PDB file of N, CA and C in Angstrom:
ATOM      1  N   GLN A   1     -13.888  -6.466  23.295  1.00  0.00           N
ATOM      2  CA  GLN A   1     -14.204  -7.516  22.343  1.00  0.00           C
ATOM      3  C   GLN A   1     -15.697  -7.590  22.038  1.00  0.00           C
ATOM      4  N   PRO A   2     -16.567  -7.648  23.053  1.00  0.00           N
ATOM      5  CA  PRO A   2     -18.005  -7.753  22.758  1.00  0.00           C
ATOM      6  C   PRO A   2     -18.530  -6.534  21.993  1.00  0.00           C
ATOM      7  N   LEU A   3     -18.043  -5.351  22.338  1.00  0.00           N
ATOM      8  CA  LEU A   3     -18.473  -4.135  21.644  1.00  0.00           C
ATOM      9  C   LEU A   3     -18.006  -4.152  20.190  1.00  0.00           C
ATOM     10  N   ALA A   4     -16.781  -4.595  19.941  1.00  0.00           N
ATOM     11  CA  ALA A   4     -16.258  -4.668  18.577  1.00  0.00           C
ATOM     12  C   ALA A   4     -17.056  -5.666  17.745  1.00  0.00           C
ATOM     13  N   ARG A   5     -17.408  -6.808  18.331  1.00  0.00           N
ATOM     14  CA  ARG A   5     -18.212  -7.804  17.598  1.00  0.00           C
ATOM     15  C   ARG A   5     -19.599  -7.259  17.283  1.00  0.00           C
ATOM     16  N   ALA A   6     -20.203  -6.555  18.241  1.00  0.00           N
ATOM     17  CA  ALA A   6     -21.537  -5.988  18.018  1.00  0.00           C
ATOM     18  C   ALA A   6     -21.495  -4.917  16.923  1.00  0.00           C
ATOM     19  N   LEU A   7     -20.474  -4.078  16.952  1.00  0.00           N
ATOM     20  CA  LEU A   7     -20.334  -3.043  15.929  1.00  0.00           C
ATOM     21  C   LEU A   7     -20.119  -3.662  14.550  1.00  0.00           C
ATOM     22  N   GLU A   8     -19.288  -4.679  14.482  1.00  0.00           N
ATOM     23  CA  GLU A   8     -19.033  -5.364  13.212  1.00  0.00           C
ATOM     24  C   GLU A   8     -20.310  -6.013  12.679  1.00  0.00           C
ATOM     25  N   ALA A   9     -21.063  -6.664  13.551  1.00  0.00           N
ATOM     26  CA  ALA A   9     -22.325  -7.300  13.135  1.00  0.00           C
ATOM     27  C   ALA A   9     -23.316  -6.252  12.632  1.00  0.00           C
ATOM     28  N   THR A  10     -23.332  -5.085  13.249  1.00  0.00           N
ATOM     29  CA  THR A  10     -24.222  -4.007  12.825  1.00  0.00           C
ATOM     30  C   THR A  10     -23.821  -3.477  11.454  1.00  0.00           C
ATOM     31  N   VAL A  11     -22.540  -3.245  11.257  1.00  0.00           N
ATOM     32  CA  VAL A  11     -22.054  -2.733   9.968  1.00  0.00           C
ATOM     33  C   VAL A  11     -22.365  -3.731   8.857  1.00  0.00           C
ATOM     34  N   ARG A  12     -22.226  -5.003   9.121  1.00  0.00           N
ATOM     35  CA  ARG A  12     -22.482  -6.029   8.108  1.00  0.00           C
ATOM     36  C   ARG A  12     -23.952  -6.076   7.681  1.00  0.00           C
ATOM     37  N   ARG A  13     -24.873  -5.535   8.516  1.00  0.00           N
ATOM     38  CA  ARG A  13     -26.304  -5.552   8.183  1.00  0.00           C
ATOM     39  C   ARG A  13     -26.767  -4.320   7.413  1.00  0.00           C
ATOM     40  N   ILE A  14     -25.933  -3.302   7.287  1.00  0.00           N
ATOM     41  CA  ILE A  14     -26.325  -2.089   6.557  1.00  0.00           C
ATOM     42  C   ILE A  14     -26.373  -2.427   5.068  1.00  0.00           C
ATOM     43  N   PRO A  15     -27.492  -2.117   4.393  1.00  0.00           N
ATOM     44  CA  PRO A  15     -27.694  -2.576   3.014  1.00  0.00           C
ATOM     45  C   PRO A  15     -26.550  -2.322   2.028  1.00  0.00           C
ATOM     46  N   VAL A  16     -26.047  -1.143   1.873  1.00  0.00           N
ATOM     47  CA  VAL A  16     -24.999  -0.882   0.881  1.00  0.00           C
ATOM     48  C   VAL A  16     -23.611  -1.120   1.464  1.00  0.00           C
ATOM     49  N   ILE A  17     -23.425  -0.723   2.693  1.00  0.00           N
ATOM     50  CA  ILE A  17     -22.111  -0.815   3.344  1.00  0.00           C
ATOM     51  C   ILE A  17     -21.753  -2.257   3.709  1.00  0.00           C
ATOM     52  N   GLY A  18     -22.717  -3.038   4.156  1.00  0.00           N
ATOM     53  CA  GLY A  18     -22.458  -4.397   4.617  1.00  0.00           C
ATOM     54  C   GLY A  18     -21.752  -5.281   3.601  1.00  0.00           C
ATOM     55  N   PRO A  19     -22.297  -5.383   2.375  1.00  0.00           N
ATOM     56  CA  PRO A  19     -21.615  -6.225   1.379  1.00  0.00           C
ATOM     57  C   PRO A  19     -20.205  -5.735   1.051  1.00  0.00           C
ATOM     58  N   LEU A  20     -20.003  -4.422   0.980  1.00  0.00           N
ATOM     59  CA  LEU A  20     -18.664  -3.888   0.717  1.00  0.00           C
ATOM     60  C   LEU A  20     -17.716  -4.217   1.861  1.00  0.00           C
ATOM     61  N   TYR A  21     -18.213  -4.103   3.085  1.00  0.00           N
ATOM     62  CA  TYR A  21     -17.395  -4.425   4.250  1.00  0.00           C
ATOM     63  C   TYR A  21     -17.015  -5.904   4.234  1.00  0.00           C
ATOM     64  N   ASN A  22     -17.969  -6.768   3.894  1.00  0.00           N
ATOM     65  CA  ASN A  22     -17.686  -8.208   3.833  1.00  0.00           C
ATOM     66  C   ASN A  22     -16.584  -8.515   2.831  1.00  0.00           C
ATOM     67  N   VAL A  23     -16.677  -7.925   1.636  1.00  0.00           N
ATOM     68  CA  VAL A  23     -15.669  -8.160   0.596  1.00  0.00           C
ATOM     69  C   VAL A  23     -14.302  -7.643   1.048  1.00  0.00           C
ATOM     70  N   ALA A  24     -14.281  -6.417   1.591  1.00  0.00           N
ATOM     71  CA  ALA A  24     -13.010  -5.844   2.047  1.00  0.00           C
ATOM     72  C   ALA A  24     -12.402  -6.665   3.172  1.00  0.00           C
ATOM     73  N   ASP A  25     -13.248  -7.154   4.074  1.00  0.00           N
ATOM     74  CA  ASP A  25     -12.759  -7.968   5.187  1.00  0.00           C
ATOM     75  C   ASP A  25     -12.142  -9.274   4.684  1.00  0.00           C
ATOM     76  N   LYS A  26     -12.796  -9.919   3.735  1.00  0.00           N
ATOM     77  CA  LYS A  26     -12.254 -11.154   3.162  1.00  0.00           C
ATOM     78  C   LYS A  26     -10.962 -10.892   2.399  1.00  0.00           C
ATOM     79  N   PHE A  27     -10.940  -9.798   1.642  1.00  0.00           N
ATOM     80  CA  PHE A  27      -9.763  -9.461   0.843  1.00  0.00           C
ATOM     81  C   PHE A  27      -8.560  -9.174   1.732  1.00  0.00           C
ATOM     82  N   THR A  28      -8.741  -8.356   2.752  1.00  0.00           N
ATOM     83  CA  THR A  28      -7.613  -8.053   3.645  1.00  0.00           C
ATOM     84  C   THR A  28      -7.202  -9.283   4.444  1.00  0.00           C
ATOM     85  N   GLY A  29      -8.164 -10.176   4.732  1.00  0.00           N
ATOM     86  CA  GLY A  29      -7.820 -11.435   5.401  1.00  0.00           C
ATOM     87  C   GLY A  29      -6.922 -12.307   4.539  1.00  0.00           C
ATOM     88  N   LEU A  30      -7.192 -12.303   3.233  1.00  0.00           N
ATOM     89  CA  LEU A  30      -6.345 -13.058   2.311  1.00  0.00           C
ATOM     90  C   LEU A  30      -4.938 -12.490   2.243  1.00  0.00           C
ATOM     91  N   LEU A  31      -4.829 -11.176   2.363  1.00  0.00           N
ATOM     92  CA  LEU A  31      -3.547 -10.509   2.195  1.00  0.00           C
ATOM     93  C   LEU A  31      -2.807 -10.281   3.500  1.00  0.00           C
ATOM     94  N   ASP A  32      -3.347 -10.817   4.575  1.00  0.00           N
ATOM     95  CA  ASP A  32      -2.685 -10.680   5.876  1.00  0.00           C
ATOM     96  C   ASP A  32      -1.276 -11.242   5.787  1.00  0.00           C
ATOM     97  N   SER A  33      -0.314 -10.518   6.349  1.00  0.00           N
ATOM     98  CA  SER A  33       1.082 -10.950   6.258  1.00  0.00           C
ATOM     99  C   SER A  33       1.321 -12.298   6.949  1.00  0.00           C
ATOM    100  N   ASN A  34       0.402 -12.720   7.816  1.00  0.00           N
ATOM    101  CA  ASN A  34       0.537 -14.019   8.467  1.00  0.00           C
ATOM    102  C   ASN A  34      -0.030 -15.151   7.606  1.00  0.00           C
ATOM    103  N   ALA A  35      -0.560 -14.812   6.434  1.00  0.00           N
ATOM    104  CA  ALA A  35      -1.205 -15.812   5.584  1.00  0.00           C
ATOM    105  C   ALA A  35      -0.204 -16.704   4.861  1.00  0.00           C
ATOM    106  N   GLY A  36       1.050 -16.405   4.928  1.00  0.00           N
ATOM    107  CA  GLY A  36       2.058 -17.239   4.285  1.00  0.00           C
ATOM    108  C   GLY A  36       3.030 -16.408   3.482  1.00  0.00           C
ATOM    109  N   PRO A  37       4.131 -17.025   3.053  1.00  0.00           N
ATOM    110  CA  PRO A  37       5.170 -16.283   2.350  1.00  0.00           C
ATOM    111  C   PRO A  37       4.720 -15.721   1.004  1.00  0.00           C
ATOM    112  N   ASP A  38       3.804 -16.413   0.308  1.00  0.00           N
ATOM    113  CA  ASP A  38       3.338 -15.890  -0.975  1.00  0.00           C
ATOM    114  C   ASP A  38       2.578 -14.587  -0.803  1.00  0.00           C
ATOM    115  N   MET A  39       1.704 -14.541   0.189  1.00  0.00           N
ATOM    116  CA  MET A  39       0.928 -13.327   0.430  1.00  0.00           C
ATOM    117  C   MET A  39       1.813 -12.211   0.988  1.00  0.00           C
ATOM    118  N   ALA A  40       2.808 -12.562   1.799  1.00  0.00           N
ATOM    119  CA  ALA A  40       3.684 -11.548   2.384  1.00  0.00           C
ATOM    120  C   ALA A  40       4.541 -10.865   1.320  1.00  0.00           C
ATOM    121  N   ALA A  41       4.753 -11.532   0.186  1.00  0.00           N
ATOM    122  CA  ALA A  41       5.574 -10.960  -0.887  1.00  0.00           C
ATOM    123  C   ALA A  41       4.823  -9.884  -1.671  1.00  0.00           C
ATOM    124  N   MET A  42       3.504  -9.810  -1.507  1.00  0.00           N
ATOM    125  CA  MET A  42       2.716  -8.821  -2.245  1.00  0.00           C
ATOM    126  C   MET A  42       2.974  -7.419  -1.713  1.00  0.00           C
ATOM    127  N   SER A  43       2.916  -6.444  -2.621  1.00  0.00           N
ATOM    128  CA  SER A  43       3.100  -5.056  -2.192  1.00  0.00           C
ATOM    129  C   SER A  43       2.290  -4.128  -3.083  1.00  0.00           C
ATOM    130  N   ALA A  44       1.956  -2.977  -2.529  1.00  0.00           N
ATOM    131  CA  ALA A  44       1.255  -1.951  -3.295  1.00  0.00           C
ATOM    132  C   ALA A  44       2.277  -1.190  -4.134  1.00  0.00           C
ATOM    133  N   VAL A  45       1.920  -0.910  -5.376  1.00  0.00           N
ATOM    134  CA  VAL A  45       2.814  -0.187  -6.284  1.00  0.00           C
ATOM    135  C   VAL A  45       2.026   0.844  -7.073  1.00  0.00           C
ATOM    136  N   TRP A  46       2.738   1.829  -7.572  1.00  0.00           N
ATOM    137  CA  TRP A  46       2.188   2.783  -8.531  1.00  0.00           C
ATOM    138  C   TRP A  46       2.642   2.354  -9.912  1.00  0.00           C
ATOM    139  N   CYS A  47       1.722   2.324 -10.852  1.00  0.00           N
ATOM    140  CA  CYS A  47       2.062   2.057 -12.249  1.00  0.00           C
ATOM    141  C   CYS A  47       1.831   3.351 -13.019  1.00  0.00           C
ATOM    142  N   PHE A  48       2.848   3.803 -13.720  1.00  0.00           N
ATOM    143  CA  PHE A  48       2.752   5.027 -14.509  1.00  0.00           C
ATOM    144  C   PHE A  48       2.699   4.632 -15.977  1.00  0.00           C
ATOM    145  N   PHE A  49       1.484   4.507 -16.492  1.00  0.00           N
ATOM    146  CA  PHE A  49       1.310   4.050 -17.862  1.00  0.00           C
ATOM    147  C   PHE A  49       1.787   5.114 -18.839  1.00  0.00           C
ATOM    148  N   GLY A  50       2.565   4.666 -19.800  1.00  0.00           N
ATOM    149  CA  GLY A  50       3.187   5.596 -20.730  1.00  0.00           C
ATOM    150  C   GLY A  50       4.490   6.136 -20.167  1.00  0.00           C
ATOM    151  N   GLY A  51       4.935   5.627 -19.032  1.00  0.00           N
ATOM    152  CA  GLY A  51       6.176   6.080 -18.418  1.00  0.00           C
ATOM    153  C   GLY A  51       5.963   7.252 -17.491  1.00  0.00           C
ATOM    154  N   ASP A  52       5.211   8.241 -17.942  1.00  0.00           N
ATOM    155  CA  ASP A  52       4.916   9.402 -17.093  1.00  0.00           C
ATOM    156  C   ASP A  52       3.463   9.808 -17.263  1.00  0.00           C
ATOM    157  N   GLY A  53       2.633   8.854 -17.672  1.00  0.00           N
ATOM    158  CA  GLY A  53       1.218   9.125 -17.924  1.00  0.00           C
ATOM    159  C   GLY A  53       0.370   8.871 -16.699  1.00  0.00           C
ATOM    160  N   VAL A  54      -0.714   8.161 -16.904  1.00  0.00           N
ATOM    161  CA  VAL A  54      -1.702   7.899 -15.874  1.00  0.00           C
ATOM    162  C   VAL A  54      -1.088   7.076 -14.743  1.00  0.00           C
ATOM    163  N   ALA A  55      -1.345   7.484 -13.493  1.00  0.00           N
ATOM    164  CA  ALA A  55      -0.873   6.736 -12.327  1.00  0.00           C
ATOM    165  C   ALA A  55      -2.001   5.839 -11.830  1.00  0.00           C
ATOM    166  N   VAL A  56      -1.705   4.559 -11.620  1.00  0.00           N
ATOM    167  CA  VAL A  56      -2.691   3.595 -11.149  1.00  0.00           C
ATOM    168  C   VAL A  56      -2.117   2.879  -9.934  1.00  0.00           C
ATOM    169  N   LEU A  57      -2.902   2.825  -8.878  1.00  0.00           N
ATOM    170  CA  LEU A  57      -2.519   2.089  -7.684  1.00  0.00           C
ATOM    171  C   LEU A  57      -2.820   0.617  -7.922  1.00  0.00           C
ATOM    172  N   ALA A  58      -1.816  -0.234  -7.780  1.00  0.00           N
ATOM    173  CA  ALA A  58      -1.962  -1.650  -8.110  1.00  0.00           C
ATOM    174  C   ALA A  58      -1.294  -2.511  -7.048  1.00  0.00           C
ATOM    175  N   LEU A  59      -1.435  -3.806  -7.212  1.00  0.00           N
ATOM    176  CA  LEU A  59      -0.863  -4.783  -6.301  1.00  0.00           C
ATOM    177  C   LEU A  59       0.131  -5.640  -7.066  1.00  0.00           C
ATOM    178  N   ALA A  60       1.375  -5.655  -6.601  1.00  0.00           N
ATOM    179  CA  ALA A  60       2.399  -6.509  -7.213  1.00  0.00           C
ATOM    180  C   ALA A  60       2.416  -7.823  -6.437  1.00  0.00           C
ATOM    181  N   PRO A  61       1.965  -8.923  -7.051  1.00  0.00           N
ATOM    182  CA  PRO A  61       1.919 -10.187  -6.318  1.00  0.00           C
ATOM    183  C   PRO A  61       3.287 -10.790  -6.052  1.00  0.00           C
ATOM    184  N   SER A  62       4.310 -10.327  -6.765  1.00  0.00           N
ATOM    185  CA  SER A  62       5.652 -10.872  -6.599  1.00  0.00           C
ATOM    186  C   SER A  62       6.673  -9.815  -7.004  1.00  0.00           C
ATOM    187  N   PRO A  63       7.822  -9.777  -6.344  1.00  0.00           N
ATOM    188  CA  PRO A  63       8.857  -8.820  -6.754  1.00  0.00           C
ATOM    189  C   PRO A  63       9.634  -9.274  -7.994  1.00  0.00           C
ATOM    190  N   GLU A  64       9.365 -10.502  -8.443  1.00  0.00           N
ATOM    191  CA  GLU A  64      10.095 -11.033  -9.598  1.00  0.00           C
ATOM    192  C   GLU A  64       9.593 -10.417 -10.902  1.00  0.00           C
ATOM    193  N   ARG A  65      10.515 -10.276 -11.851  1.00  0.00           N
ATOM    194  CA  ARG A  65      10.179  -9.776 -13.174  1.00  0.00           C
ATOM    195  C   ARG A  65      10.219 -10.931 -14.163  1.00  0.00           C
ATOM    196  N   ILE A  66       9.501 -10.754 -15.270  1.00  0.00           N
ATOM    197  CA  ILE A  66       9.588 -11.734 -16.343  1.00  0.00           C
ATOM    198  C   ILE A  66      10.082 -11.010 -17.588  1.00  0.00           C
ATOM    199  N   GLU A  67      10.647 -11.761 -18.498  1.00  0.00           N
ATOM    200  CA  GLU A  67      11.151 -11.161 -19.730  1.00  0.00           C
ATOM    201  C   GLU A  67      10.223 -11.529 -20.885  1.00  0.00           C
ATOM    202  N   ILE A  68       9.808 -10.510 -21.620  1.00  0.00           N
ATOM    203  CA  ILE A  68       8.978 -10.694 -22.808  1.00  0.00           C
ATOM    204  C   ILE A  68       9.650  -9.934 -23.943  1.00  0.00           C
ATOM    205  N   ASP A  69      10.043 -10.637 -24.990  1.00  0.00           N
ATOM    206  CA  ASP A  69      10.709 -10.031 -26.152  1.00  0.00           C
ATOM    207  C   ASP A  69      11.899  -9.154 -25.760  1.00  0.00           C
ATOM    208  N   GLY A  70      12.701  -9.631 -24.805  1.00  0.00           N
ATOM    209  CA  GLY A  70      13.907  -8.918 -24.412  1.00  0.00           C
ATOM    210  C   GLY A  70      13.693  -7.747 -23.467  1.00  0.00           C
ATOM    211  N   ARG A  71      12.473  -7.544 -22.984  1.00  0.00           N
ATOM    212  CA  ARG A  71      12.188  -6.442 -22.058  1.00  0.00           C
ATOM    213  C   ARG A  71      11.637  -7.025 -20.760  1.00  0.00           C
ATOM    214  N   ARG A  72      12.029  -6.415 -19.619  1.00  0.00           N
ATOM    215  CA  ARG A  72      11.608  -6.919 -18.313  1.00  0.00           C
ATOM    216  C   ARG A  72      10.288  -6.271 -17.878  1.00  0.00           C
ATOM    217  N   TYR A  73       9.386  -7.130 -17.356  1.00  0.00           N
ATOM    218  CA  TYR A  73       8.048  -6.699 -16.947  1.00  0.00           C
ATOM    219  C   TYR A  73       7.734  -7.152 -15.532  1.00  0.00           C
ATOM    220  N   PHE A  74       6.889  -6.368 -14.847  1.00  0.00           N
ATOM    221  CA  PHE A  74       6.301  -6.729 -13.567  1.00  0.00           C
ATOM    222  C   PHE A  74       4.883  -7.209 -13.818  1.00  0.00           C
ATOM    223  N   ALA A  75       4.457  -8.231 -13.109  1.00  0.00           N
ATOM    224  CA  ALA A  75       3.046  -8.605 -13.095  1.00  0.00           C
ATOM    225  C   ALA A  75       2.384  -7.766 -12.016  1.00  0.00           C
ATOM    226  N   VAL A  76       1.308  -7.085 -12.356  1.00  0.00           N
ATOM    227  CA  VAL A  76       0.555  -6.303 -11.374  1.00  0.00           C
ATOM    228  C   VAL A  76      -0.927  -6.617 -11.507  1.00  0.00           C
ATOM    229  N   LEU A  77      -1.605  -6.581 -10.388  1.00  0.00           N
ATOM    230  CA  LEU A  77      -3.055  -6.735 -10.361  1.00  0.00           C
ATOM    231  C   LEU A  77      -3.650  -5.348 -10.159  1.00  0.00           C
ATOM    232  N   VAL A  78      -4.477  -4.921 -11.087  1.00  0.00           N
ATOM    233  CA  VAL A  78      -5.155  -3.637 -10.957  1.00  0.00           C
ATOM    234  C   VAL A  78      -6.585  -3.945 -10.518  1.00  0.00           C
ATOM    235  N   PRO A  79      -6.904  -3.674  -9.232  1.00  0.00           N
ATOM    236  CA  PRO A  79      -8.241  -3.970  -8.716  1.00  0.00           C
ATOM    237  C   PRO A  79      -9.300  -3.056  -9.334  1.00  0.00           C
ATOM    238  N   THR A  80     -10.556  -3.430  -9.120  1.00  0.00           N
ATOM    239  CA  THR A  80     -11.664  -2.581  -9.521  1.00  0.00           C
ATOM    240  C   THR A  80     -12.366  -2.066  -8.277  1.00  0.00           C
ATOM    241  N   ALA A  81     -12.922  -0.881  -8.365  1.00  0.00           N
ATOM    242  CA  ALA A  81     -13.659  -0.307  -7.238  1.00  0.00           C
ATOM    243  C   ALA A  81     -15.139  -0.574  -7.464  1.00  0.00           C
ATOM    244  N   PRO A  82     -15.909  -0.851  -6.446  1.00  0.00           N
ATOM    245  CA  PRO A  82     -15.561  -0.945  -5.030  1.00  0.00           C
ATOM    246  C   PRO A  82     -15.212  -2.365  -4.587  1.00  0.00           C
ATOM    247  N   VAL A  83     -15.128  -3.311  -5.519  1.00  0.00           N
ATOM    248  CA  VAL A  83     -14.840  -4.692  -5.154  1.00  0.00           C
ATOM    249  C   VAL A  83     -13.409  -5.018  -5.556  1.00  0.00           C
ATOM    250  N   PRO A  84     -12.442  -4.877  -4.639  1.00  0.00           N
ATOM    251  CA  PRO A  84     -11.034  -5.027  -5.020  1.00  0.00           C
ATOM    252  C   PRO A  84     -10.593  -6.451  -5.338  1.00  0.00           C
ATOM    253  N   THR A  85     -11.507  -7.432  -5.203  1.00  0.00           N
ATOM    254  CA  THR A  85     -11.104  -8.789  -5.553  1.00  0.00           C
ATOM    255  C   THR A  85     -11.214  -9.048  -7.048  1.00  0.00           C
ATOM    256  N   GLY A  86     -11.796  -8.108  -7.795  1.00  0.00           N
ATOM    257  CA  GLY A  86     -11.849  -8.203  -9.249  1.00  0.00           C
ATOM    258  C   GLY A  86     -10.773  -7.322  -9.844  1.00  0.00           C
ATOM    259  N   GLY A  87     -10.641  -7.353 -11.141  1.00  0.00           N
ATOM    260  CA  GLY A  87      -9.659  -6.497 -11.785  1.00  0.00           C
ATOM    261  C   GLY A  87      -8.925  -7.222 -12.874  1.00  0.00           C
ATOM    262  N   GLY A  88      -7.771  -6.685 -13.218  1.00  0.00           N
ATOM    263  CA  GLY A  88      -7.002  -7.275 -14.305  1.00  0.00           C
ATOM    264  C   GLY A  88      -5.565  -7.531 -13.929  1.00  0.00           C
ATOM    265  N   LEU A  89      -5.019  -8.598 -14.501  1.00  0.00           N
ATOM    266  CA  LEU A  89      -3.602  -8.915 -14.348  1.00  0.00           C
ATOM    267  C   LEU A  89      -2.890  -8.329 -15.562  1.00  0.00           C
ATOM    268  N   LEU A  90      -1.993  -7.386 -15.325  1.00  0.00           N
ATOM    269  CA  LEU A  90      -1.268  -6.709 -16.396  1.00  0.00           C
ATOM    270  C   LEU A  90       0.222  -6.943 -16.231  1.00  0.00           C
ATOM    271  N   TYR A  91       0.924  -7.037 -17.347  1.00  0.00           N
ATOM    272  CA  TYR A  91       2.382  -7.094 -17.323  1.00  0.00           C
ATOM    273  C   TYR A  91       2.871  -5.738 -17.805  1.00  0.00           C
ATOM    274  N   VAL A  92       3.488  -5.006 -16.879  1.00  0.00           N
ATOM    275  CA  VAL A  92       3.867  -3.613 -17.091  1.00  0.00           C
ATOM    276  C   VAL A  92       5.390  -3.520 -17.129  1.00  0.00           C
ATOM    277  N   PRO A  93       5.961  -2.733 -18.065  1.00  0.00           N
ATOM    278  CA  PRO A  93       7.415  -2.568 -18.082  1.00  0.00           C
ATOM    279  C   PRO A  93       7.930  -2.135 -16.699  1.00  0.00           C
ATOM    280  N   GLU A  94       9.020  -2.745 -16.266  1.00  0.00           N
ATOM    281  CA  GLU A  94       9.501  -2.503 -14.896  1.00  0.00           C
ATOM    282  C   GLU A  94       9.795  -1.042 -14.610  1.00  0.00           C
ATOM    283  N   GLU A  95      10.207  -0.270 -15.616  1.00  0.00           N
ATOM    284  CA  GLU A  95      10.502   1.144 -15.367  1.00  0.00           C
ATOM    285  C   GLU A  95       9.242   1.975 -15.131  1.00  0.00           C
ATOM    286  N   TRP A  96       8.069   1.432 -15.401  1.00  0.00           N
ATOM    287  CA  TRP A  96       6.808   2.126 -15.157  1.00  0.00           C
ATOM    288  C   TRP A  96       6.261   1.863 -13.756  1.00  0.00           C
ATOM    289  N   VAL A  97       6.921   0.986 -12.977  1.00  0.00           N
ATOM    290  CA  VAL A  97       6.412   0.573 -11.672  1.00  0.00           C
ATOM    291  C   VAL A  97       7.299   1.132 -10.567  1.00  0.00           C
ATOM    292  N   LYS A  98       6.657   1.755  -9.570  1.00  0.00           N
ATOM    293  CA  LYS A  98       7.369   2.288  -8.412  1.00  0.00           C
ATOM    294  C   LYS A  98       6.631   1.869  -7.140  1.00  0.00           C
ATOM    295  N   PRO A  99       7.362   1.620  -6.036  1.00  0.00           N
ATOM    296  CA  PRO A  99       6.702   1.249  -4.784  1.00  0.00           C
ATOM    297  C   PRO A  99       5.745   2.349  -4.323  1.00  0.00           C
ATOM    298  N   ALA A 100       4.598   1.959  -3.787  1.00  0.00           N
ATOM    299  CA  ALA A 100       3.620   2.929  -3.296  1.00  0.00           C
ATOM    300  C   ALA A 100       3.882   3.308  -1.845  1.00  0.00           C
ATOM    301  N   ASN A 101       4.670   2.502  -1.138  1.00  0.00           N
ATOM    302  CA  ASN A 101       4.989   2.759   0.269  1.00  0.00           C
ATOM    303  C   ASN A 101       3.743   2.928   1.132  1.00  0.00           C
ATOM    304  N   ILE A 102       2.729   2.128   0.824  1.00  0.00           N
ATOM    305  CA  ILE A 102       1.538   2.046   1.668  1.00  0.00           C
ATOM    306  C   ILE A 102       1.262   0.559   1.859  1.00  0.00           C
ATOM    307  N   GLY A 103       0.522   0.232   2.865  1.00  0.00           N
ATOM    308  CA  GLY A 103       0.211  -1.175   3.110  1.00  0.00           C
ATOM    309  C   GLY A 103      -0.941  -1.661   2.242  1.00  0.00           C
ATOM    310  N   ILE A 104      -1.130  -2.961   2.228  1.00  0.00           N
ATOM    311  CA  ILE A 104      -2.217  -3.565   1.470  1.00  0.00           C
ATOM    312  C   ILE A 104      -3.562  -3.091   2.007  1.00  0.00           C
ATOM    313  N   ASP A 105      -3.638  -2.869   3.325  1.00  0.00           N
ATOM    314  CA  ASP A 105      -4.894  -2.396   3.902  1.00  0.00           C
ATOM    315  C   ASP A 105      -5.271  -1.019   3.372  1.00  0.00           C
ATOM    316  N   ARG A 106      -4.288  -0.152   3.160  1.00  0.00           N
ATOM    317  CA  ARG A 106      -4.561   1.191   2.612  1.00  0.00           C
ATOM    318  C   ARG A 106      -4.977   1.098   1.145  1.00  0.00           C
ATOM    319  N   LEU A 107      -4.342   0.202   0.392  1.00  0.00           N
ATOM    320  CA  LEU A 107      -4.732  -0.022  -0.999  1.00  0.00           C
ATOM    321  C   LEU A 107      -6.191  -0.481  -1.052  1.00  0.00           C
ATOM    322  N   THR A 108      -6.546  -1.436  -0.205  1.00  0.00           N
ATOM    323  CA  THR A 108      -7.909  -1.948  -0.170  1.00  0.00           C
ATOM    324  C   THR A 108      -8.898  -0.857   0.217  1.00  0.00           C
ATOM    325  N   ALA A 109      -8.556  -0.055   1.232  1.00  0.00           N
ATOM    326  CA  ALA A 109      -9.435   1.025   1.664  1.00  0.00           C
ATOM    327  C   ALA A 109      -9.667   2.029   0.541  1.00  0.00           C
ATOM    328  N   THR A 110      -8.644   2.303  -0.242  1.00  0.00           N
ATOM    329  CA  THR A 110      -8.767   3.243  -1.355  1.00  0.00           C
ATOM    330  C   THR A 110      -9.757   2.724  -2.389  1.00  0.00           C
ATOM    331  N   TYR A 111      -9.649   1.451  -2.751  1.00  0.00           N
ATOM    332  CA  TYR A 111     -10.543   0.888  -3.761  1.00  0.00           C
ATOM    333  C   TYR A 111     -11.961   0.694  -3.238  1.00  0.00           C
ATOM    334  N   VAL A 112     -12.113   0.216  -1.991  1.00  0.00           N
ATOM    335  CA  VAL A 112     -13.443   0.004  -1.436  1.00  0.00           C
ATOM    336  C   VAL A 112     -14.185   1.330  -1.290  1.00  0.00           C
ATOM    337  N   SER A 113     -13.476   2.396  -0.952  1.00  0.00           N
ATOM    338  CA  SER A 113     -14.114   3.714  -0.808  1.00  0.00           C
ATOM    339  C   SER A 113     -14.289   4.423  -2.150  1.00  0.00           C
ATOM    340  N   MET A 114     -13.885   3.779  -3.234  1.00  0.00           N
ATOM    341  CA  MET A 114     -13.966   4.342  -4.589  1.00  0.00           C
ATOM    342  C   MET A 114     -13.203   5.670  -4.675  1.00  0.00           C
ATOM    343  N   GLY A 115     -12.080   5.754  -3.968  1.00  0.00           N
ATOM    344  CA  GLY A 115     -11.213   6.922  -4.046  1.00  0.00           C
ATOM    345  C   GLY A 115     -11.475   7.993  -3.007  1.00  0.00           C
ATOM    346  N   ILE A 116     -12.539   7.834  -2.212  1.00  0.00           N
ATOM    347  CA  ILE A 116     -12.827   8.837  -1.174  1.00  0.00           C
ATOM    348  C   ILE A 116     -11.735   8.832  -0.123  1.00  0.00           C
ATOM    349  N   THR A 117     -11.207   7.646   0.185  1.00  0.00           N
ATOM    350  CA  THR A 117     -10.074   7.512   1.092  1.00  0.00           C
ATOM    351  C   THR A 117      -8.827   7.410   0.229  1.00  0.00           C
ATOM    352  N   PRO A 118      -8.115   8.530   0.009  1.00  0.00           N
ATOM    353  CA  PRO A 118      -6.949   8.487  -0.888  1.00  0.00           C
ATOM    354  C   PRO A 118      -5.760   7.796  -0.226  1.00  0.00           C
ATOM    355  N   PRO A 119      -4.840   7.278  -1.044  1.00  0.00           N
ATOM    356  CA  PRO A 119      -3.620   6.697  -0.466  1.00  0.00           C
ATOM    357  C   PRO A 119      -2.779   7.799   0.174  1.00  0.00           C
ATOM    358  N   ALA A 120      -1.968   7.426   1.141  1.00  0.00           N
ATOM    359  CA  ALA A 120      -1.138   8.429   1.846  1.00  0.00           C
ATOM    360  C   ALA A 120      -0.122   9.032   0.919  1.00  0.00           C
TER     361      ALA A 120
END
């Protein structure tokens, strides 16, 4: 425990890494499965824009779909790198969304590392 706290305090003081670590730590804390049923419902998903076009790693805040003009859509949050707490809320046709089968921590690591740490 004392060594882990000292290492964490050291990482937080590194000029470029520290602020990124702070943001990632807060973000993953928000998404902890113990944070409540709303947060536990979130999952990482792949969005294939155009049906088979660009693949984007995103966060589905809810498994529920909504209907817009007779078509079913998923709400997804597409984070921005390196600060995954920003981004856009998009409504994507449900057939363009597939489970990513990775945890929220892996999604966060991918965005914080700006793609250096790829998803599994």
